[in-house]
Amino acid sequence: MSEQAGVLRSSALMAVGTITSRATGLVRDMALVAAIGFGTLADTYSLGNSLPNIIYILVAGGALNAVFIPQLVRHMKDDADGGHGYANRLLRLVSMVTLALSVVAVIAAPWIVHLYATSQYSAREFGLAVAFARLCLPQILFYGLYTMFSQILNARGHFGSPMFAPIVNNIVVIFACFAFLWVAGDQVSVATITDSEVLWLGVMTTMGVALQALVLVPVLLRSGFRFGYMRGLRGFGLAHTGRLALWTIGLVLINQLGFIVVTRLATLANVLASEANVVAQGLTTYQKAYLVFMLPHSVITISIMTALLPRMSRAAAAKDDHKVAAYVSDGMRMVSVLIIPAAVCLGVAGPMIATVIFGFGAGSGIAATYAGLVVVAFALGLLPFSLFYVLLRGWYSLEDTRTPFFLTIVYNILMVGFSLPLFYAAPVESKVLALALGYSMAYWVTLVIAWAVLRRRLPIPSRRILWVVLRLLVAGVIAALAGLVVNLVFTTFISSRRGEVVALGFVGLPGWALVAAILCSVVAVVVYVGLAWLFRVPDIAQAGALVAGRIPGLRNRRGA
């Protein structure tokens, strides 16, 4: 019980940091959409700014996140110097690799952009994408530093600071966007944007990532970590870590092959939308909807599993498979209790949420509300996406990176297999929606396969987990219906009051959209919690204790 309480405390601290970080991240994306909208100009920026993260994760990031936390925990426990030598050697290796990678990527930017962008881009659109990519690709180095600093802090039991560091990044980009709007206005297009405006957006975006990494240096020093140059990279377990990382690099490579398909289709969607003179929708629409979709996953799932993974790794190192399975079970149930109502809220209020977030400046109008429909399609896959994330951490704690590699192949085959026919069958105004739906469908099938495979390795109490999840899903479906009814009634009421028909997403009415989103979400959550209590789901009480424990007024009353 004390172990679970520790997980909840660590998760709650990270959740606060993640919520704050994601909140400023939303403001950052609001500012970006207000400045450059959802059209092809926005796609060229989105593509250029995505490439550093894509390349970093492809070569190094996946291995760092998945493999090195268990390794750092083991070296802190077993090494006489508390793991300082191992961490410093690993930090030097990552720095050298990511610096070299940044230089090569900047040189190869035209070829990289050609790989990810639709072949139907004009010369001007392609040139802008390359310019943004070259300005943003140096971020690869700083992503590497940020990840290493974060992993070292997590391994030392400091979970909060890495969750707060992205706030600095977000503030820099927000400032850059407001300055851009002040000088250029909100009507800038592919044809009218100047070289200096491109330079400003690209340089400031990269500066934000650099500061996100560097603000962790004083935190590391306060934690007791000692920076130092350690000679030699042999004989300190890096070779073993590297062998584990190879499968993770392969996993990320397979994911990126699937993402290339999605990116090319999404950038094509905006070109087709422009030619057909329908609502702007493309890579930016897909990414902004995915950002909203990821919010509950980042706050709930990542926070819980970041706190659980070191404990799972210690149990795995002790060869205690039953304890590892118990942690996986706890993670799946805790995540399900909190992620299902989040998915319900996104499902019933997605269009209104997007109208509120993105319906300003260059992003105002139906394009913002359309992004909310894409959020709804993503929300259908939020539960399997989050539970699959939990299952992957089970394998990583066992130092098994091979099985996730093969499961990732299965997922990407399914995702491409669903997305391609849906994309080409969908009308022009629904292309991006089809991509999001294919994403969600693939995760439901992959979850079933992954669960069955891990159960062969660990004694996971599947019946207990399934019984909890099924009851929560029934509660979620009924709650979603209640939210949709409230949305319909409220929309009808506002339409009669205004004397005109108001669209369900409250296009162009962010104020009313906010009221509708809150009303529908509150009703849905209340119905969900009530039904979960009625269905006697025991984990709902733990979730309530976690939430109440982070609200001062409720905490005082609970302690009274």
Foldseek 3Di string as FASTA:
>chain_A
DVLVVLLLVQLLLLLVLQLLLLVLVLLLLLLLCQAENQFLLSLLLVLLQVVLVLVLQLPPVLLLVLAVLLVLLVCLVPPPVSSLLVLQLVLVVLLVVQQVVLVVCLVCLLVVLVLQAAPPDDPLSSVLSNLLNNLNNNLSNLVSLLSSLQSNCLSLVNHNLSSNLLSQLSVLSSVLSVVSCVPPNQPDDSVRDDPVNSNSNSNSNSVSSNSSNVVSVVVCVVSVRDHDDDPDDPDPCVVVSVVLSVLSSLLSVLVVVLSSVQSHLQNVLSVLCVVVVHAGTGPSLLVVLVSLLCSLLSSFLVSSVSSLLSVLLVCLVVVNLQVNLVSLLVSLLSSLLRLLLVLLLLQLQQLLVQCQSHCHRNHAFDNSSLSSLLNNLLSLQSSLVSSVVSLSSSCSSNSHSNVSSVLSNQLSVQLCVQLVVQQVVDPSSCNSSSSSNSNRVSSVVSSVVSVVVVCVVGVHPVVLSVVLNVLLVVLSVVLSVQLNVLLVVLQVVVCVVVVHRADSSRRRNSVVSVVSSVVSSVSSVVSSLVSSVVSPNPCSVVVVCSVLCVDVVSVVVVVD
